[in-house]
Amino acid sequence: QVQLVQSGGGLVQPGGSLTLSCAASGIIYSRYTLGWYRQTPGKQQRALVATITSGGSTDYADSGKGRFTISRDNAKNTVYLQMNSLRPEDTAVYYCRATMFQYSYWGQGTQVTVSS
């Protein structure tokens, strides 16, 4: 059984930092492209935040460039999203995702709220 379990998130003031983690079991993590997505209230689609391939190549949505860093630790089957200089518009439910060919798995989601 495949599980992606997220941790981190919470309430942070504008300008603050948070790190999200996503640990997987039941898959060979190192073969998957890993990503972080977010969903804001009233929107049905999850927007891409960042991805990291099995080879370590990263890509970021414009909204997070220069502020967010995605990384992976294959030995721990974990992907991270370090978020700095957070803004109120970063408030969302964040989801991790693991994809390889037709296979796609999601984490349970974690709330990030940026507010003073």
C-alpha atoms as a PDB file:
ATOM      1  CA  GLN A   1       0.000   0.000   0.000  1.00  0.00           C
ATOM      2  CA  VAL A   2       1.372   3.359  -1.043  1.00  0.00           C
ATOM      3  CA  GLN A   3       1.256   6.183   1.467  1.00  0.00           C
ATOM      4  CA  LEU A   4       2.524   9.746   1.297  1.00  0.00           C
ATOM      5  CA  VAL A   5       2.407  11.317   4.737  1.00  0.00           C
ATOM      6  CA  GLN A   6       2.888  15.044   5.053  1.00  0.00           C
ATOM      7  CA  SER A   7       4.079  17.059   8.028  1.00  0.00           C
ATOM      8  CA  GLY A   8       4.833  20.677   8.727  1.00  0.00           C
ATOM      9  CA  GLY A   9       2.628  23.604   7.878  1.00  0.00           C
ATOM     10  CA  GLY A  10       0.630  25.767  10.230  1.00  0.00           C
ATOM     11  CA  LEU A  11       0.305  29.457  10.937  1.00  0.00           C
ATOM     12  CA  VAL A  12       3.146  31.846  10.175  1.00  0.00           C
ATOM     13  CA  GLN A  13       3.454  35.613   9.983  1.00  0.00           C
ATOM     14  CA  PRO A  14       4.175  37.356   6.694  1.00  0.00           C
ATOM     15  CA  GLY A  15       7.880  37.209   5.963  1.00  0.00           C
ATOM     16  CA  GLY A  16       8.280  34.027   7.950  1.00  0.00           C
ATOM     17  CA  SER A  17       9.436  30.570   6.927  1.00  0.00           C
ATOM     18  CA  LEU A  18       8.057  27.058   6.972  1.00  0.00           C
ATOM     19  CA  THR A  19       9.276  23.663   5.849  1.00  0.00           C
ATOM     20  CA  LEU A  20       6.922  20.990   4.617  1.00  0.00           C
ATOM     21  CA  SER A  21       7.881  17.322   4.522  1.00  0.00           C
ATOM     22  CA  CYS A  22       6.383  14.365   2.708  1.00  0.00           C
ATOM     23  CA  ALA A  23       7.496  10.836   3.497  1.00  0.00           C
ATOM     24  CA  ALA A  24       6.541   7.923   1.300  1.00  0.00           C
ATOM     25  CA  SER A  25       6.196   4.220   1.822  1.00  0.00           C
ATOM     26  CA  GLY A  26       5.287   1.438  -0.568  1.00  0.00           C
ATOM     27  CA  ILE A  27       7.088   2.832  -3.615  1.00  0.00           C
ATOM     28  CA  ILE A  28      10.656   3.101  -4.867  1.00  0.00           C
ATOM     29  CA  TYR A  29      10.788   6.794  -4.158  1.00  0.00           C
ATOM     30  CA  SER A  30      13.996   7.474  -6.012  1.00  0.00           C
ATOM     31  CA  ARG A  31      12.366   6.646  -9.361  1.00  0.00           C
ATOM     32  CA  TYR A  32       9.566   9.170  -9.000  1.00  0.00           C
ATOM     33  CA  THR A  33       9.240  12.804  -9.882  1.00  0.00           C
ATOM     34  CA  LEU A  34       8.130  14.556  -6.720  1.00  0.00           C
ATOM     35  CA  GLY A  35       6.147  17.723  -6.531  1.00  0.00           C
ATOM     36  CA  TRP A  36       4.346  20.163  -4.310  1.00  0.00           C
ATOM     37  CA  TYR A  37       0.978  21.645  -5.253  1.00  0.00           C
ATOM     38  CA  ARG A  38      -1.390  23.976  -3.488  1.00  0.00           C
ATOM     39  CA  GLN A  39      -5.094  24.611  -3.496  1.00  0.00           C
ATOM     40  CA  THR A  40      -6.775  27.791  -2.334  1.00  0.00           C
ATOM     41  CA  PRO A  41     -10.386  28.141  -1.212  1.00  0.00           C
ATOM     42  CA  GLY A  42     -12.838  28.392  -4.060  1.00  0.00           C
ATOM     43  CA  LYS A  43     -10.504  26.798  -6.583  1.00  0.00           C
ATOM     44  CA  GLN A  44     -10.985  23.222  -7.650  1.00  0.00           C
ATOM     45  CA  GLN A  45      -7.581  22.721  -9.252  1.00  0.00           C
ATOM     46  CA  ARG A  46      -4.339  22.285  -7.434  1.00  0.00           C
ATOM     47  CA  ALA A  47      -1.654  24.625  -8.699  1.00  0.00           C
ATOM     48  CA  LEU A  48       1.889  23.446  -9.214  1.00  0.00           C
ATOM     49  CA  VAL A  49       4.386  24.928  -6.768  1.00  0.00           C
ATOM     50  CA  ALA A  50       7.590  23.017  -7.474  1.00  0.00           C
ATOM     51  CA  THR A  51       8.858  19.711  -8.824  1.00  0.00           C
ATOM     52  CA  ILE A  52      12.050  17.695  -8.559  1.00  0.00           C
ATOM     53  CA  THR A  53      12.877  14.837 -10.889  1.00  0.00           C
ATOM     54  CA  SER A  54      14.546  11.550 -10.027  1.00  0.00           C
ATOM     55  CA  GLY A  55      17.757  13.105 -11.319  1.00  0.00           C
ATOM     56  CA  GLY A  56      17.428  16.129  -9.077  1.00  0.00           C
ATOM     57  CA  SER A  57      16.327  18.722 -11.637  1.00  0.00           C
ATOM     58  CA  THR A  58      13.994  21.284 -10.142  1.00  0.00           C
ATOM     59  CA  ASP A  59      11.316  23.538 -11.521  1.00  0.00           C
ATOM     60  CA  TYR A  60       9.275  26.238  -9.823  1.00  0.00           C
ATOM     61  CA  ALA A  61       6.117  28.148 -10.491  1.00  0.00           C
ATOM     62  CA  ASP A  62       6.752  31.871 -10.849  1.00  0.00           C
ATOM     63  CA  SER A  63       4.964  32.499  -7.558  1.00  0.00           C
ATOM     64  CA  GLY A  64       7.648  30.675  -5.608  1.00  0.00           C
ATOM     65  CA  LYS A  65      10.841  31.370  -7.535  1.00  0.00           C
ATOM     66  CA  GLY A  66      13.517  32.781  -5.298  1.00  0.00           C
ATOM     67  CA  ARG A  67      11.504  32.043  -2.154  1.00  0.00           C
ATOM     68  CA  PHE A  68      10.783  28.306  -2.207  1.00  0.00           C
ATOM     69  CA  THR A  69      13.225  25.407  -2.415  1.00  0.00           C
ATOM     70  CA  ILE A  70      12.277  21.823  -3.147  1.00  0.00           C
ATOM     71  CA  SER A  71      14.645  19.034  -2.185  1.00  0.00           C
ATOM     72  CA  ARG A  72      14.591  15.300  -1.762  1.00  0.00           C
ATOM     73  CA  ASP A  73      16.322  12.723   0.404  1.00  0.00           C
ATOM     74  CA  ASN A  74      15.931   9.362  -1.283  1.00  0.00           C
ATOM     75  CA  ALA A  75      17.517   7.545   1.649  1.00  0.00           C
ATOM     76  CA  LYS A  76      14.661   8.826   3.820  1.00  0.00           C
ATOM     77  CA  ASN A  77      12.014   8.590   1.088  1.00  0.00           C
ATOM     78  CA  THR A  78      11.204  12.211   1.811  1.00  0.00           C
ATOM     79  CA  VAL A  79      10.666  15.376  -0.191  1.00  0.00           C
ATOM     80  CA  TYR A  80      10.813  18.822   1.374  1.00  0.00           C
ATOM     81  CA  LEU A  81       9.557  22.277   0.527  1.00  0.00           C
ATOM     82  CA  GLN A  82      11.387  25.092   2.247  1.00  0.00           C
ATOM     83  CA  MET A  83       9.323  28.267   2.036  1.00  0.00           C
ATOM     84  CA  ASN A  84      10.827  31.642   2.901  1.00  0.00           C
ATOM     85  CA  SER A  85       9.503  35.200   2.773  1.00  0.00           C
ATOM     86  CA  LEU A  86       5.963  33.896   2.988  1.00  0.00           C
ATOM     87  CA  ARG A  87       3.110  36.126   1.873  1.00  0.00           C
ATOM     88  CA  PRO A  88      -0.598  36.063   2.701  1.00  0.00           C
ATOM     89  CA  GLU A  89      -1.284  34.901  -0.850  1.00  0.00           C
ATOM     90  CA  ASP A  90       0.714  31.731  -0.110  1.00  0.00           C
ATOM     91  CA  THR A  91      -2.105  30.647   2.176  1.00  0.00           C
ATOM     92  CA  ALA A  92      -3.409  27.338   0.864  1.00  0.00           C
ATOM     93  CA  VAL A  93      -3.601  23.624   1.447  1.00  0.00           C
ATOM     94  CA  TYR A  94      -0.339  22.137   0.204  1.00  0.00           C
ATOM     95  CA  TYR A  95      -0.130  18.654  -1.271  1.00  0.00           C
ATOM     96  CA  CYS A  96       2.836  16.506  -2.202  1.00  0.00           C
ATOM     97  CA  ARG A  97       2.704  14.230  -5.192  1.00  0.00           C
ATOM     98  CA  ALA A  98       4.797  11.384  -6.556  1.00  0.00           C
ATOM     99  CA  THR A  99       4.515  10.543 -10.257  1.00  0.00           C
ATOM    100  CA  MET A 100       6.099   8.026 -12.591  1.00  0.00           C
ATOM    101  CA  PHE A 101       4.546   7.193 -15.962  1.00  0.00           C
ATOM    102  CA  GLN A 102       0.867   6.444 -15.291  1.00  0.00           C
ATOM    103  CA  TYR A 103       1.343   6.214 -11.550  1.00  0.00           C
ATOM    104  CA  SER A 104       0.407   9.155  -9.373  1.00  0.00           C
ATOM    105  CA  TYR A 105       0.086   9.372  -5.615  1.00  0.00           C
ATOM    106  CA  TRP A 106      -0.923  12.283  -3.398  1.00  0.00           C
ATOM    107  CA  GLY A 107      -0.295  13.217   0.176  1.00  0.00           C
ATOM    108  CA  GLN A 108      -3.148  14.070   2.514  1.00  0.00           C
ATOM    109  CA  GLY A 109      -2.620  17.836   2.365  1.00  0.00           C
ATOM    110  CA  THR A 110      -1.515  20.282   4.999  1.00  0.00           C
ATOM    111  CA  GLN A 111      -2.772  23.786   5.710  1.00  0.00           C
ATOM    112  CA  VAL A 112      -0.406  26.729   5.479  1.00  0.00           C
ATOM    113  CA  THR A 113      -1.780  30.034   6.710  1.00  0.00           C
ATOM    114  CA  VAL A 114       0.195  33.251   6.365  1.00  0.00           C
ATOM    115  CA  SER A 115      -1.339  35.946   8.511  1.00  0.00           C
ATOM    116  CA  SER A 116      -0.434  38.532  11.099  1.00  0.00           C
END
